[in-house]
Amino acid sequence: MADNLFQIANLVALAGWAALLASPWIGRWADRIAGAALPMLLSIAYAGLVLAFWSGANGGFGSLADVMALFTQPEIALAGWIHYLAFDLFVGAWETRTARDEAIPFLLVVPCLALTFLFGPAGYLAFVALRFARAALRPQTA
């Protein structure tokens, strides 16, 4: 079961990332798909896994060893993976929406999205750096 849910969750997340990459053409639909509907679906799967398997899980959050023990149970590891998928997609959608609202060229956002897809916080950091750089280079109005 966990392997099948893993595959489904990955496909759901990839559909969201595809919507973000298509956002210059589908606009606000990307926000609805990748920024709301699919993270919500992944969150439901996450909550279901936690509710079903948390009580029987070893480990916890008190130390790194506890966290490592927690993720030895496949269903809890899957919940952790879905957590990453949902939040990274949500952040990618925020980046796309913010870039559109701030008129940041989409081609500058694509590397940030790739980093967010692969390395979550590094992509967020790249996007925030892009926003700060554009603000610093923008002529100041009096």
Protein backbone atom coordinates (compact mmCIF):
# COMPACT_ATOMS: atom_id res chain seq x y z
CA MET A 1 0.00 0.00 0.00
CA ALA A 2 2.71 2.52 0.95
CA ASP A 3 4.53 2.00 -2.36
CA ASN A 4 1.35 2.62 -4.35
CA LEU A 5 0.54 5.76 -2.36
CA PHE A 6 4.12 6.93 -2.87
CA GLN A 7 3.72 6.64 -6.64
CA ILE A 8 0.34 8.39 -6.62
CA ALA A 9 1.59 11.22 -4.41
CA ASN A 10 4.57 11.77 -6.70
CA LEU A 11 2.30 11.95 -9.75
CA VAL A 12 -0.02 14.41 -7.99
CA ALA A 13 2.94 16.64 -7.10
CA LEU A 14 4.38 16.42 -10.61
CA ALA A 15 1.02 17.53 -12.02
CA GLY A 16 1.23 20.58 -9.78
CA TRP A 17 4.77 21.39 -10.90
CA ALA A 18 3.68 21.00 -14.52
CA ALA A 19 0.88 23.51 -13.86
CA LEU A 20 3.42 25.94 -12.41
CA LEU A 21 5.64 25.60 -15.45
CA ALA A 22 2.58 26.23 -17.64
CA SER A 23 1.52 29.25 -15.58
CA PRO A 24 2.50 31.84 -18.22
CA TRP A 25 -0.18 30.25 -20.40
CA ILE A 26 -2.78 29.12 -17.89
CA GLY A 27 -2.37 32.00 -15.43
CA ARG A 28 -4.50 31.87 -12.32
CA TRP A 29 -5.49 28.27 -13.01
CA ALA A 30 -1.97 27.34 -11.92
CA ASP A 31 -2.67 29.05 -8.59
CA ARG A 32 -5.85 27.05 -8.12
CA ILE A 33 -4.24 23.75 -9.13
CA ALA A 34 -0.72 23.95 -7.69
CA GLY A 35 -1.36 26.48 -4.94
CA ALA A 36 -4.58 25.10 -3.52
CA ALA A 37 -6.18 21.92 -4.88
CA LEU A 38 -3.17 19.61 -5.09
CA PRO A 39 -1.49 20.69 -1.82
CA MET A 40 -4.90 20.16 -0.17
CA LEU A 41 -5.14 16.66 -1.66
CA LEU A 42 -1.62 15.84 -0.49
CA SER A 43 -2.42 17.26 2.95
CA ILE A 44 -5.45 14.98 3.24
CA ALA A 45 -3.26 11.97 2.41
CA TYR A 46 -0.67 13.15 4.95
CA ALA A 47 -3.26 13.61 7.69
CA GLY A 48 -4.76 10.19 6.96
CA LEU A 49 -1.38 8.49 7.24
CA VAL A 50 -0.54 10.29 10.48
CA LEU A 51 -3.92 9.48 12.00
CA ALA A 52 -3.68 5.83 10.97
CA PHE A 53 -0.05 5.09 11.85
CA TRP A 54 1.34 7.66 14.29
CA SER A 55 0.30 5.87 17.47
CA GLY A 56 2.26 2.75 16.51
CA ALA A 57 5.38 4.57 15.39
CA ASN A 58 8.69 4.40 17.21
CA GLY A 59 10.76 7.49 17.80
CA GLY A 60 9.73 11.12 18.00
CA PHE A 61 11.14 14.64 17.72
CA GLY A 62 13.32 14.81 20.85
CA SER A 63 16.61 14.06 19.13
CA LEU A 64 18.00 13.25 15.72
CA ALA A 65 18.11 9.57 16.72
CA ASP A 66 14.41 9.74 17.63
CA VAL A 67 13.56 11.30 14.26
CA MET A 68 15.58 8.64 12.46
CA ALA A 69 13.71 5.93 14.37
CA LEU A 70 10.38 7.57 13.56
CA PHE A 71 11.03 7.30 9.83
CA THR A 72 11.88 3.60 9.89
CA GLN A 73 8.16 2.78 9.60
CA PRO A 74 7.21 2.96 5.88
CA GLU A 75 3.86 4.69 6.41
CA ILE A 76 5.40 7.40 8.58
CA ALA A 77 8.28 7.85 6.12
CA LEU A 78 5.64 8.19 3.39
CA ALA A 79 3.81 10.81 5.46
CA GLY A 80 7.10 12.69 5.78
CA TRP A 81 7.64 12.50 2.03
CA ILE A 82 4.12 13.75 1.32
CA HIS A 83 4.79 16.59 3.77
CA TYR A 84 7.75 17.62 1.59
CA LEU A 85 5.73 17.28 -1.61
CA ALA A 86 2.84 19.40 -0.31
CA PHE A 87 4.92 22.19 1.20
CA ASP A 88 7.41 22.46 -1.65
CA LEU A 89 4.55 22.65 -4.15
CA PHE A 90 2.80 25.26 -2.03
CA VAL A 91 6.01 27.33 -1.88
CA GLY A 92 6.53 26.94 -5.64
CA ALA A 93 3.01 28.21 -6.24
CA TRP A 94 3.68 31.18 -3.96
CA GLU A 95 6.87 31.95 -5.89
CA THR A 96 4.99 31.81 -9.20
CA ARG A 97 2.12 33.96 -7.95
CA THR A 98 4.44 36.50 -6.33
CA ALA A 99 6.61 36.72 -9.45
CA ARG A 100 3.53 37.37 -11.58
CA ASP A 101 2.27 40.03 -9.17
CA GLU A 102 5.69 41.73 -9.07
CA ALA A 103 6.28 41.43 -12.85
CA ILE A 104 9.36 39.26 -12.42
CA PRO A 105 10.11 37.59 -15.77
CA PHE A 106 9.09 33.94 -15.65
CA LEU A 107 12.41 32.76 -17.11
CA LEU A 108 14.12 34.15 -14.00
CA VAL A 109 11.72 32.21 -11.79
CA VAL A 110 12.18 28.83 -13.49
CA PRO A 111 15.58 28.11 -11.84
CA CYS A 112 14.06 29.00 -8.46
CA LEU A 113 11.20 26.58 -9.13
CA ALA A 114 13.66 23.84 -10.09
CA LEU A 115 15.58 24.39 -6.87
CA THR A 116 12.36 24.44 -4.84
CA PHE A 117 11.26 21.19 -6.50
CA LEU A 118 14.58 19.49 -5.74
CA PHE A 119 15.83 21.21 -2.59
CA GLY A 120 12.85 23.09 -1.09
CA PRO A 121 14.40 25.76 1.15
CA ALA A 122 17.28 26.41 -1.30
CA GLY A 123 14.73 27.30 -3.98
CA TYR A 124 12.86 29.56 -1.59
CA LEU A 125 16.16 31.23 -0.70
CA ALA A 126 17.00 31.72 -4.40
CA PHE A 127 13.59 33.27 -5.05
CA VAL A 128 13.86 35.63 -2.08
CA ALA A 129 17.35 36.63 -3.29
CA LEU A 130 15.92 37.27 -6.77
CA ARG A 131 13.21 39.52 -5.32
CA PHE A 132 15.72 41.46 -3.21
CA ALA A 133 18.10 41.84 -6.17
CA ARG A 134 15.32 43.17 -8.40
CA ALA A 135 14.19 45.59 -5.69
CA ALA A 136 17.76 46.83 -5.20
CA LEU A 137 18.21 47.39 -8.95
CA ARG A 138 14.85 49.10 -9.42
CA PRO A 139 15.11 52.87 -9.70
CA GLN A 140 13.89 54.60 -6.55
CA THR A 141 11.00 57.03 -6.97
CA ALA A 142 10.83 60.09 -4.77
